[in-house]
Amino acid sequence: MGNSYIFSLTPTFTQGLVLGQLSILVLLALVLKYLFFIPPESETETVPFHPLSKSNPSWHQDVKEDDKDSIPEQESAHWFNILARQVVEVYRAKLQNNLTGYEGIEVARRKIEDHANNLRPRGFLDHITVHSVDLGMSAPKLSNAQVVNDNDGDSAPTTIEFDMSYTDTISVSLSTSYLFNYPMSSFARLPVSLTISLSLFESKVTLVPPSPASAAPVLTISLPQDFTLNLKTTSLMGSRAMLRDVPKLHELIEYQVRKVLALRGTWKVILPGMASLATVQQEIEKEQAASKEQG
């Protein structure tokens, strides 16, 4: 028989190499048979494979259609009303230096009086004395949030629109004198006492997201020109013979308030890290110049 044999309890290096190769071949055959191959008697349907490419944007379209279907025509703005009320309360508190009661109202009265005298035309109005202020208790309420225009993938941003209504007890009572400078400076004075209170303010609020194509992307919040403003004005004019509630004075005050809201009814919120205040101001000046040229 001799001493020749293939395997032993202590295999050599050559025997171990052969055994390892055989085990790998057996494992590979099992994997191919049960994972990739199918029996000849079974019938299965082969699904073709189409890799996604930029030339086939169907998957982008599906995502956009899903987003459109998930957006309702009108969205509740209750969450925003809660946030807006808290913001208004912060402004009221800061205007009163976080004081309450009479002390807080007195602080707010002095601040409003100082601000009014800084803005008054000194050649026409005497010192303005603010007698009382009411900062109100309510806040603007938004409703009927909806998408106004959807650009379907266009670079222009989508516009969101809200309905806003504000009814409150906010009011201010003041007195001053109108100066007559003819035939000489301060020739005569006409005392005027006013109480102005807000009855109703209603308007659309337009929210325009920032545009990626803009050099200074900003979030734009604006009010249209056709808002509803109802002010209640009581007035006394004169020293001895007094005129009460002059209609022309009421029209003048309401016109000035409307003018201020129309001029300052657009707010631009700078995105953090996107642009500086100077860059945004330059973009606004360019837009105003372009609108004047078109007009």
C-alpha atoms as a PDB file:
ATOM      1  CA  MET A   1       0.000   0.000   0.000  1.00  0.00           C
ATOM      2  CA  GLY A   2       2.838   2.352   0.777  1.00  0.00           C
ATOM      3  CA  ASN A   3       2.702   5.517   2.823  1.00  0.00           C
ATOM      4  CA  SER A   4       0.932   7.734   0.203  1.00  0.00           C
ATOM      5  CA  TYR A   5      -2.427   9.347   1.268  1.00  0.00           C
ATOM      6  CA  ILE A   6      -4.439  12.435   0.427  1.00  0.00           C
ATOM      7  CA  PHE A   7      -5.886  13.587   3.773  1.00  0.00           C
ATOM      8  CA  SER A   8      -4.846  13.080   7.308  1.00  0.00           C
ATOM      9  CA  LEU A   9      -5.740  14.473  10.704  1.00  0.00           C
ATOM     10  CA  THR A  10      -2.874  16.911  10.321  1.00  0.00           C
ATOM     11  CA  PRO A  11      -3.169  18.145   6.695  1.00  0.00           C
ATOM     12  CA  THR A  12      -0.282  19.748   4.969  1.00  0.00           C
ATOM     13  CA  PHE A  13      -0.301  23.214   3.423  1.00  0.00           C
ATOM     14  CA  THR A  14      -1.168  21.823  -0.018  1.00  0.00           C
ATOM     15  CA  GLN A  15      -4.077  19.812   1.359  1.00  0.00           C
ATOM     16  CA  GLY A  16      -5.473  22.864   3.180  1.00  0.00           C
ATOM     17  CA  LEU A  17      -5.236  24.967   0.036  1.00  0.00           C
ATOM     18  CA  VAL A  18      -7.134  22.371  -2.016  1.00  0.00           C
ATOM     19  CA  LEU A  19      -9.816  22.044   0.684  1.00  0.00           C
ATOM     20  CA  GLY A  20     -10.296  25.828   0.835  1.00  0.00           C
ATOM     21  CA  GLN A  21     -10.688  26.122  -2.927  1.00  0.00           C
ATOM     22  CA  LEU A  22     -13.281  23.333  -2.999  1.00  0.00           C
ATOM     23  CA  SER A  23     -15.336  24.924  -0.212  1.00  0.00           C
ATOM     24  CA  ILE A  24     -15.373  28.276  -2.030  1.00  0.00           C
ATOM     25  CA  LEU A  25     -16.557  26.619  -5.251  1.00  0.00           C
ATOM     26  CA  VAL A  26     -19.365  24.795  -3.436  1.00  0.00           C
ATOM     27  CA  LEU A  27     -20.506  27.998  -1.701  1.00  0.00           C
ATOM     28  CA  LEU A  28     -20.458  29.923  -4.989  1.00  0.00           C
ATOM     29  CA  ALA A  29     -22.539  27.222  -6.691  1.00  0.00           C
ATOM     30  CA  LEU A  30     -25.160  27.349  -3.929  1.00  0.00           C
ATOM     31  CA  VAL A  31     -25.388  31.139  -4.127  1.00  0.00           C
ATOM     32  CA  LEU A  32     -25.823  31.114  -7.897  1.00  0.00           C
ATOM     33  CA  LYS A  33     -28.419  28.363  -7.791  1.00  0.00           C
ATOM     34  CA  TYR A  34     -30.712  29.677  -5.079  1.00  0.00           C
ATOM     35  CA  LEU A  35     -30.300  33.454  -5.411  1.00  0.00           C
ATOM     36  CA  PHE A  36     -29.836  34.234  -9.094  1.00  0.00           C
ATOM     37  CA  PHE A  37     -31.024  31.214 -11.073  1.00  0.00           C
ATOM     38  CA  ILE A  38     -34.634  30.042 -11.368  1.00  0.00           C
ATOM     39  CA  PRO A  39     -35.910  26.516 -12.035  1.00  0.00           C
ATOM     40  CA  PRO A  40     -36.748  25.868 -15.694  1.00  0.00           C
ATOM     41  CA  GLU A  41     -40.334  24.798 -14.875  1.00  0.00           C
ATOM     42  CA  SER A  42     -41.283  28.090 -13.127  1.00  0.00           C
ATOM     43  CA  GLU A  43     -42.485  31.136 -15.090  1.00  0.00           C
ATOM     44  CA  THR A  44     -41.735  34.611 -13.825  1.00  0.00           C
ATOM     45  CA  GLU A  45     -42.102  38.034 -15.337  1.00  0.00           C
ATOM     46  CA  THR A  46     -38.914  39.967 -15.865  1.00  0.00           C
ATOM     47  CA  VAL A  47     -39.129  43.633 -14.852  1.00  0.00           C
ATOM     48  CA  PRO A  48     -37.010  45.876 -17.067  1.00  0.00           C
ATOM     49  CA  PHE A  49     -34.601  48.218 -15.326  1.00  0.00           C
ATOM     50  CA  HIS A  50     -34.522  51.870 -16.409  1.00  0.00           C
ATOM     51  CA  PRO A  51     -31.941  53.985 -14.609  1.00  0.00           C
ATOM     52  CA  LEU A  52     -33.004  57.514 -13.593  1.00  0.00           C
ATOM     53  CA  SER A  53     -31.329  60.267 -15.520  1.00  0.00           C
ATOM     54  CA  LYS A  54     -31.618  64.036 -15.820  1.00  0.00           C
ATOM     55  CA  SER A  55     -33.262  63.599 -19.217  1.00  0.00           C
ATOM     56  CA  ASN A  56     -36.162  61.766 -17.541  1.00  0.00           C
ATOM     57  CA  PRO A  57     -37.477  64.068 -14.802  1.00  0.00           C
ATOM     58  CA  SER A  58     -40.558  61.983 -14.082  1.00  0.00           C
ATOM     59  CA  TRP A  59     -39.566  61.432 -10.476  1.00  0.00           C
ATOM     60  CA  HIS A  60     -39.228  65.201  -9.944  1.00  0.00           C
ATOM     61  CA  GLN A  61     -42.676  65.647 -11.442  1.00  0.00           C
ATOM     62  CA  ASP A  62     -44.159  63.020  -9.133  1.00  0.00           C
ATOM     63  CA  VAL A  63     -42.726  64.796  -6.094  1.00  0.00           C
ATOM     64  CA  LYS A  64     -44.122  68.147  -7.241  1.00  0.00           C
ATOM     65  CA  GLU A  65     -47.544  66.648  -7.917  1.00  0.00           C
ATOM     66  CA  ASP A  66     -47.561  65.099  -4.457  1.00  0.00           C
ATOM     67  CA  ASP A  67     -46.689  68.477  -2.930  1.00  0.00           C
ATOM     68  CA  LYS A  68     -49.487  70.186  -4.858  1.00  0.00           C
ATOM     69  CA  ASP A  69     -52.008  67.562  -3.840  1.00  0.00           C
ATOM     70  CA  SER A  70     -51.009  67.888  -0.189  1.00  0.00           C
ATOM     71  CA  ILE A  71     -51.539  71.693  -0.105  1.00  0.00           C
ATOM     72  CA  PRO A  72     -55.147  72.657   0.649  1.00  0.00           C
ATOM     73  CA  GLU A  73     -56.730  75.662  -1.009  1.00  0.00           C
ATOM     74  CA  GLN A  74     -57.187  77.378   2.354  1.00  0.00           C
ATOM     75  CA  GLU A  75     -54.923  76.809   5.316  1.00  0.00           C
ATOM     76  CA  SER A  76     -55.750  77.684   8.915  1.00  0.00           C
ATOM     77  CA  ALA A  77     -53.771  80.629  10.276  1.00  0.00           C
ATOM     78  CA  HIS A  78     -54.671  80.029  13.919  1.00  0.00           C
ATOM     79  CA  TRP A  79     -51.067  79.227  14.800  1.00  0.00           C
ATOM     80  CA  PHE A  80     -49.923  82.508  13.247  1.00  0.00           C
ATOM     81  CA  ASN A  81     -52.583  84.493  15.129  1.00  0.00           C
ATOM     82  CA  ILE A  82     -51.250  83.116  18.409  1.00  0.00           C
ATOM     83  CA  LEU A  83     -47.727  84.100  17.391  1.00  0.00           C
ATOM     84  CA  ALA A  84     -48.828  87.573  16.221  1.00  0.00           C
ATOM     85  CA  ARG A  85     -50.662  88.230  19.484  1.00  0.00           C
ATOM     86  CA  GLN A  86     -47.563  87.354  21.495  1.00  0.00           C
ATOM     87  CA  VAL A  87     -45.432  89.642  19.314  1.00  0.00           C
ATOM     88  CA  VAL A  88     -47.885  92.536  19.806  1.00  0.00           C
ATOM     89  CA  GLU A  89     -47.868  91.929  23.557  1.00  0.00           C
ATOM     90  CA  VAL A  90     -44.075  92.197  23.549  1.00  0.00           C
ATOM     91  CA  TYR A  91     -44.263  95.567  21.758  1.00  0.00           C
ATOM     92  CA  ARG A  92     -46.839  96.822  24.264  1.00  0.00           C
ATOM     93  CA  ALA A  93     -44.690  95.687  27.175  1.00  0.00           C
ATOM     94  CA  LYS A  94     -41.530  97.309  25.780  1.00  0.00           C
ATOM     95  CA  LEU A  95     -43.403 100.534  25.050  1.00  0.00           C
ATOM     96  CA  GLN A  96     -44.328 100.617  28.759  1.00  0.00           C
ATOM     97  CA  ASN A  97     -40.832  99.571  29.918  1.00  0.00           C
ATOM     98  CA  ASN A  98     -42.356  96.327  31.216  1.00  0.00           C
ATOM     99  CA  LEU A  99     -44.434  98.287  33.727  1.00  0.00           C
ATOM    100  CA  THR A 100     -48.137  97.735  34.334  1.00  0.00           C
ATOM    101  CA  GLY A 101     -51.063  99.899  35.318  1.00  0.00           C
ATOM    102  CA  TYR A 102     -50.848 103.678  35.403  1.00  0.00           C
ATOM    103  CA  GLU A 103     -47.033 103.727  35.492  1.00  0.00           C
ATOM    104  CA  GLY A 104     -46.767 101.737  32.279  1.00  0.00           C
ATOM    105  CA  ILE A 105     -49.367 103.862  30.480  1.00  0.00           C
ATOM    106  CA  GLU A 106     -47.579 107.043  31.588  1.00  0.00           C
ATOM    107  CA  VAL A 107     -44.265 105.776  30.224  1.00  0.00           C
ATOM    108  CA  ALA A 108     -45.927 104.946  26.900  1.00  0.00           C
ATOM    109  CA  ARG A 109     -47.622 108.371  26.817  1.00  0.00           C
ATOM    110  CA  ARG A 110     -44.310 110.196  27.261  1.00  0.00           C
ATOM    111  CA  LYS A 111     -42.622 108.102  24.571  1.00  0.00           C
ATOM    112  CA  ILE A 112     -45.418 108.782  22.086  1.00  0.00           C
ATOM    113  CA  GLU A 113     -45.359 112.491  22.923  1.00  0.00           C
ATOM    114  CA  ASP A 114     -41.598 112.710  22.381  1.00  0.00           C
ATOM    115  CA  HIS A 115     -41.858 110.834  19.094  1.00  0.00           C
ATOM    116  CA  ALA A 116     -44.708 113.052  17.874  1.00  0.00           C
ATOM    117  CA  ASN A 117     -42.752 116.224  18.647  1.00  0.00           C
ATOM    118  CA  ASN A 118     -39.708 114.887  16.828  1.00  0.00           C
ATOM    119  CA  LEU A 119     -41.810 114.356  13.700  1.00  0.00           C
ATOM    120  CA  ARG A 120     -43.996 117.483  13.799  1.00  0.00           C
ATOM    121  CA  PRO A 121     -43.377 120.302  11.290  1.00  0.00           C
ATOM    122  CA  ARG A 122     -42.130 122.990  13.657  1.00  0.00           C
ATOM    123  CA  GLY A 123     -43.026 125.815  11.312  1.00  0.00           C
ATOM    124  CA  PHE A 124     -46.719 124.883  11.338  1.00  0.00           C
ATOM    125  CA  LEU A 125     -47.466 123.073  14.595  1.00  0.00           C
ATOM    126  CA  ASP A 126     -46.777 124.101  18.159  1.00  0.00           C
ATOM    127  CA  HIS A 127     -45.678 121.643  20.831  1.00  0.00           C
ATOM    128  CA  ILE A 128     -47.846 118.511  20.863  1.00  0.00           C
ATOM    129  CA  THR A 129     -49.165 117.405  24.234  1.00  0.00           C
ATOM    130  CA  VAL A 130     -50.393 113.826  24.479  1.00  0.00           C
ATOM    131  CA  HIS A 131     -53.000 113.605  27.225  1.00  0.00           C
ATOM    132  CA  SER A 132     -53.833 109.900  27.164  1.00  0.00           C
ATOM    133  CA  VAL A 133     -53.160 106.754  25.178  1.00  0.00           C
ATOM    134  CA  ASP A 134     -54.839 103.380  24.928  1.00  0.00           C
ATOM    135  CA  LEU A 135     -52.550 100.657  23.602  1.00  0.00           C
ATOM    136  CA  GLY A 136     -55.412  98.249  23.044  1.00  0.00           C
ATOM    137  CA  MET A 137     -55.839  94.634  24.033  1.00  0.00           C
ATOM    138  CA  SER A 138     -56.194  92.781  20.741  1.00  0.00           C
ATOM    139  CA  ALA A 139     -53.970  91.911  17.785  1.00  0.00           C
ATOM    140  CA  PRO A 140     -54.375  91.534  14.015  1.00  0.00           C
ATOM    141  CA  LYS A 141     -56.021  88.269  12.974  1.00  0.00           C
ATOM    142  CA  LEU A 142     -55.188  86.404   9.788  1.00  0.00           C
ATOM    143  CA  SER A 143     -57.430  83.966   7.959  1.00  0.00           C
ATOM    144  CA  ASN A 144     -57.922  82.265   4.586  1.00  0.00           C
ATOM    145  CA  ALA A 145     -54.281  81.564   3.843  1.00  0.00           C
ATOM    146  CA  GLN A 146     -54.000  80.453   0.228  1.00  0.00           C
ATOM    147  CA  VAL A 147     -51.600  80.182  -2.678  1.00  0.00           C
ATOM    148  CA  VAL A 148     -52.332  82.992  -5.119  1.00  0.00           C
ATOM    149  CA  ASN A 149     -50.154  81.878  -8.024  1.00  0.00           C
ATOM    150  CA  ASP A 150     -48.157  78.710  -8.555  1.00  0.00           C
ATOM    151  CA  ASN A 151     -45.428  79.110 -11.138  1.00  0.00           C
ATOM    152  CA  ASP A 152     -45.070  75.355 -11.883  1.00  0.00           C
ATOM    153  CA  GLY A 153     -41.325  75.187 -11.524  1.00  0.00           C
ATOM    154  CA  ASP A 154     -40.648  78.726 -12.710  1.00  0.00           C
ATOM    155  CA  SER A 155     -37.866  80.652 -11.017  1.00  0.00           C
ATOM    156  CA  ALA A 156     -40.338  83.266  -9.746  1.00  0.00           C
ATOM    157  CA  PRO A 157     -41.414  82.615  -6.138  1.00  0.00           C
ATOM    158  CA  THR A 158     -44.918  81.539  -5.221  1.00  0.00           C
ATOM    159  CA  THR A 159     -47.128  84.182  -3.587  1.00  0.00           C
ATOM    160  CA  ILE A 160     -49.104  83.453  -0.416  1.00  0.00           C
ATOM    161  CA  GLU A 161     -52.046  85.650   0.556  1.00  0.00           C
ATOM    162  CA  PHE A 162     -53.891  86.154   3.849  1.00  0.00           C
ATOM    163  CA  ASP A 163     -56.968  88.088   4.925  1.00  0.00           C
ATOM    164  CA  MET A 164     -56.212  90.347   7.889  1.00  0.00           C
ATOM    165  CA  SER A 165     -58.668  92.016  10.251  1.00  0.00           C
ATOM    166  CA  TYR A 166     -57.817  94.240  13.206  1.00  0.00           C
ATOM    167  CA  THR A 167     -60.386  95.678  15.618  1.00  0.00           C
ATOM    168  CA  ASP A 168     -59.200  97.196  18.880  1.00  0.00           C
ATOM    169  CA  THR A 169     -59.594 100.028  21.378  1.00  0.00           C
ATOM    170  CA  ILE A 170     -56.283 101.683  20.465  1.00  0.00           C
ATOM    171  CA  SER A 171     -56.556 105.484  20.702  1.00  0.00           C
ATOM    172  CA  VAL A 172     -54.638 108.675  21.453  1.00  0.00           C
ATOM    173  CA  SER A 173     -55.800 112.067  22.750  1.00  0.00           C
ATOM    174  CA  LEU A 174     -53.637 115.123  22.103  1.00  0.00           C
ATOM    175  CA  SER A 175     -53.672 118.873  21.763  1.00  0.00           C
ATOM    176  CA  THR A 176     -51.559 121.356  19.839  1.00  0.00           C
ATOM    177  CA  SER A 177     -51.851 124.668  18.013  1.00  0.00           C
ATOM    178  CA  TYR A 178     -51.673 125.469  14.338  1.00  0.00           C
ATOM    179  CA  LEU A 179     -49.280 128.378  13.727  1.00  0.00           C
ATOM    180  CA  PHE A 180     -50.114 131.225  11.355  1.00  0.00           C
ATOM    181  CA  ASN A 181     -46.881 132.776  10.118  1.00  0.00           C
ATOM    182  CA  TYR A 182     -48.379 135.629   8.087  1.00  0.00           C
ATOM    183  CA  PRO A 183     -47.756 138.546   8.104  1.00  0.00           C
ATOM    184  CA  MET A 184     -45.075 137.585  10.652  1.00  0.00           C
ATOM    185  CA  SER A 185     -43.772 134.454  12.319  1.00  0.00           C
ATOM    186  CA  SER A 186     -46.190 132.984  14.896  1.00  0.00           C
ATOM    187  CA  PHE A 187     -48.695 135.758  14.171  1.00  0.00           C
ATOM    188  CA  ALA A 188     -51.591 133.695  15.527  1.00  0.00           C
ATOM    189  CA  ARG A 189     -52.329 130.270  16.960  1.00  0.00           C
ATOM    190  CA  LEU A 190     -55.330 128.045  16.436  1.00  0.00           C
ATOM    191  CA  PRO A 191     -55.748 125.550  19.318  1.00  0.00           C
ATOM    192  CA  VAL A 192     -56.673 122.032  18.220  1.00  0.00           C
ATOM    193  CA  SER A 193     -57.656 119.086  20.413  1.00  0.00           C
ATOM    194  CA  LEU A 194     -57.973 115.619  18.912  1.00  0.00           C
ATOM    195  CA  THR A 195     -58.929 112.119  19.927  1.00  0.00           C
ATOM    196  CA  ILE A 196     -58.175 109.472  17.313  1.00  0.00           C
ATOM    197  CA  SER A 197     -59.268 105.869  17.762  1.00  0.00           C
ATOM    198  CA  LEU A 198     -59.187 102.837  15.514  1.00  0.00           C
ATOM    199  CA  SER A 199     -62.495 101.227  14.594  1.00  0.00           C
ATOM    200  CA  LEU A 200     -61.468  98.722  11.921  1.00  0.00           C
ATOM    201  CA  PHE A 201     -58.519  97.872   9.732  1.00  0.00           C
ATOM    202  CA  GLU A 202     -58.908  95.174   7.089  1.00  0.00           C
ATOM    203  CA  SER A 203     -56.529  94.262   4.320  1.00  0.00           C
ATOM    204  CA  LYS A 204     -54.952  91.516   2.310  1.00  0.00           C
ATOM    205  CA  VAL A 205     -51.456  90.507   3.370  1.00  0.00           C
ATOM    206  CA  THR A 206     -49.161  89.229   0.645  1.00  0.00           C
ATOM    207  CA  LEU A 207     -46.207  87.026   1.504  1.00  0.00           C
ATOM    208  CA  VAL A 208     -43.573  86.538  -1.200  1.00  0.00           C
ATOM    209  CA  PRO A 209     -40.780  84.035  -0.464  1.00  0.00           C
ATOM    210  CA  PRO A 210     -37.215  84.930  -1.450  1.00  0.00           C
ATOM    211  CA  SER A 211     -36.164  84.314  -5.029  1.00  0.00           C
ATOM    212  CA  PRO A 212     -33.047  82.186  -5.623  1.00  0.00           C
ATOM    213  CA  ALA A 213     -32.174  84.396  -8.599  1.00  0.00           C
ATOM    214  CA  SER A 214     -32.047  87.559  -6.481  1.00  0.00           C
ATOM    215  CA  ALA A 215     -28.693  89.016  -5.491  1.00  0.00           C
ATOM    216  CA  ALA A 216     -30.123  89.792  -2.048  1.00  0.00           C
ATOM    217  CA  PRO A 217     -32.848  87.243  -1.209  1.00  0.00           C
ATOM    218  CA  VAL A 218     -35.480  88.681   1.134  1.00  0.00           C
ATOM    219  CA  LEU A 219     -38.855  87.621   2.478  1.00  0.00           C
ATOM    220  CA  THR A 220     -41.356  90.314   1.429  1.00  0.00           C
ATOM    221  CA  ILE A 221     -44.517  91.136   3.397  1.00  0.00           C
ATOM    222  CA  SER A 222     -46.736  93.779   1.830  1.00  0.00           C
ATOM    223  CA  LEU A 223     -50.161  95.397   2.080  1.00  0.00           C
ATOM    224  CA  PRO A 224     -52.126  96.368  -1.046  1.00  0.00           C
ATOM    225  CA  GLN A 225     -53.369  99.893  -1.644  1.00  0.00           C
ATOM    226  CA  ASP A 226     -57.068  99.022  -1.347  1.00  0.00           C
ATOM    227  CA  PHE A 227     -57.177  98.320   2.393  1.00  0.00           C
ATOM    228  CA  THR A 228     -60.093  99.292   4.625  1.00  0.00           C
ATOM    229  CA  LEU A 229     -59.362 101.839   7.355  1.00  0.00           C
ATOM    230  CA  ASN A 230     -62.044 103.209   9.666  1.00  0.00           C
ATOM    231  CA  LEU A 231     -60.920 105.842  12.146  1.00  0.00           C
ATOM    232  CA  LYS A 232     -63.074 107.653  14.657  1.00  0.00           C
ATOM    233  CA  THR A 233     -61.996 111.244  15.213  1.00  0.00           C
ATOM    234  CA  THR A 234     -63.370 113.815  17.650  1.00  0.00           C
ATOM    235  CA  SER A 235     -61.987 117.331  17.505  1.00  0.00           C
ATOM    236  CA  LEU A 236     -62.265 120.809  18.964  1.00  0.00           C
ATOM    237  CA  MET A 237     -60.834 123.840  17.168  1.00  0.00           C
ATOM    238  CA  GLY A 238     -60.633 127.381  18.479  1.00  0.00           C
ATOM    239  CA  SER A 239     -60.218 129.238  21.740  1.00  0.00           C
ATOM    240  CA  ARG A 240     -63.490 131.012  22.565  1.00  0.00           C
ATOM    241  CA  ALA A 241     -65.717 130.076  19.633  1.00  0.00           C
ATOM    242  CA  MET A 242     -65.022 126.363  19.173  1.00  0.00           C
ATOM    243  CA  LEU A 243     -65.693 124.185  16.165  1.00  0.00           C
ATOM    244  CA  ARG A 244     -66.519 120.584  17.026  1.00  0.00           C
ATOM    245  CA  ASP A 245     -65.801 117.527  14.857  1.00  0.00           C
ATOM    246  CA  VAL A 246     -64.821 119.300  11.650  1.00  0.00           C
ATOM    247  CA  PRO A 247     -65.263 116.808   8.742  1.00  0.00           C
ATOM    248  CA  LYS A 248     -62.334 118.211   6.771  1.00  0.00           C
ATOM    249  CA  LEU A 249     -60.005 117.625   9.698  1.00  0.00           C
ATOM    250  CA  HIS A 250     -61.171 114.022   9.939  1.00  0.00           C
ATOM    251  CA  GLU A 251     -60.559 113.534   6.215  1.00  0.00           C
ATOM    252  CA  LEU A 252     -57.091 115.079   6.495  1.00  0.00           C
ATOM    253  CA  ILE A 253     -56.081 112.807   9.379  1.00  0.00           C
ATOM    254  CA  GLU A 254     -57.379 109.670   7.682  1.00  0.00           C
ATOM    255  CA  TYR A 255     -55.646 110.655   4.441  1.00  0.00           C
ATOM    256  CA  GLN A 256     -52.313 111.058   6.226  1.00  0.00           C
ATOM    257  CA  VAL A 257     -52.661 107.696   7.990  1.00  0.00           C
ATOM    258  CA  ARG A 258     -53.508 106.006   4.690  1.00  0.00           C
ATOM    259  CA  LYS A 259     -50.530 107.674   3.054  1.00  0.00           C
ATOM    260  CA  VAL A 260     -48.141 106.410   5.731  1.00  0.00           C
ATOM    261  CA  LEU A 261     -49.507 102.868   5.477  1.00  0.00           C
ATOM    262  CA  ALA A 262     -49.242 102.949   1.696  1.00  0.00           C
ATOM    263  CA  LEU A 263     -45.648 104.198   1.763  1.00  0.00           C
ATOM    264  CA  ARG A 264     -44.492 101.907   4.552  1.00  0.00           C
ATOM    265  CA  GLY A 265     -46.758  98.955   3.869  1.00  0.00           C
ATOM    266  CA  THR A 266     -43.939  96.761   2.566  1.00  0.00           C
ATOM    267  CA  TRP A 267     -41.479  95.012   4.843  1.00  0.00           C
ATOM    268  CA  LYS A 268     -38.474  93.058   3.642  1.00  0.00           C
ATOM    269  CA  VAL A 269     -36.920  90.491   5.965  1.00  0.00           C
ATOM    270  CA  ILE A 270     -33.260  89.784   5.222  1.00  0.00           C
ATOM    271  CA  LEU A 271     -32.332  86.118   5.311  1.00  0.00           C
ATOM    272  CA  PRO A 272     -29.482  85.467   7.761  1.00  0.00           C
ATOM    273  CA  GLY A 273     -26.168  85.081   5.982  1.00  0.00           C
ATOM    274  CA  MET A 274     -27.604  85.856   2.533  1.00  0.00           C
ATOM    275  CA  ALA A 275     -27.083  89.612   2.221  1.00  0.00           C
ATOM    276  CA  SER A 276     -26.306  92.777   4.125  1.00  0.00           C
ATOM    277  CA  LEU A 277     -28.638  95.689   4.792  1.00  0.00           C
ATOM    278  CA  ALA A 278     -26.728  97.880   2.329  1.00  0.00           C
ATOM    279  CA  THR A 279     -27.090  95.289  -0.438  1.00  0.00           C
ATOM    280  CA  VAL A 280     -30.835  95.007   0.151  1.00  0.00           C
ATOM    281  CA  GLN A 281     -31.207  98.795   0.077  1.00  0.00           C
ATOM    282  CA  GLN A 282     -29.390  98.907  -3.251  1.00  0.00           C
ATOM    283  CA  GLU A 283     -31.729  96.262  -4.659  1.00  0.00           C
ATOM    284  CA  ILE A 284     -34.761  98.218  -3.435  1.00  0.00           C
ATOM    285  CA  GLU A 285     -33.458 101.389  -5.073  1.00  0.00           C
ATOM    286  CA  LYS A 286     -32.967  99.512  -8.342  1.00  0.00           C
ATOM    287  CA  GLU A 287     -36.520  98.162  -8.181  1.00  0.00           C
ATOM    288  CA  GLN A 288     -37.923 101.628  -7.486  1.00  0.00           C
ATOM    289  CA  ALA A 289     -35.937 103.123 -10.366  1.00  0.00           C
ATOM    290  CA  ALA A 290     -37.133 100.380 -12.712  1.00  0.00           C
ATOM    291  CA  SER A 291     -40.763 100.886 -11.671  1.00  0.00           C
ATOM    292  CA  LYS A 292     -40.467 104.645 -12.276  1.00  0.00           C
ATOM    293  CA  GLU A 293     -39.080 104.035 -15.759  1.00  0.00           C
ATOM    294  CA  GLN A 294     -41.937 101.675 -16.562  1.00  0.00           C
ATOM    295  CA  GLY A 295     -44.450 104.143 -15.159  1.00  0.00           C
END
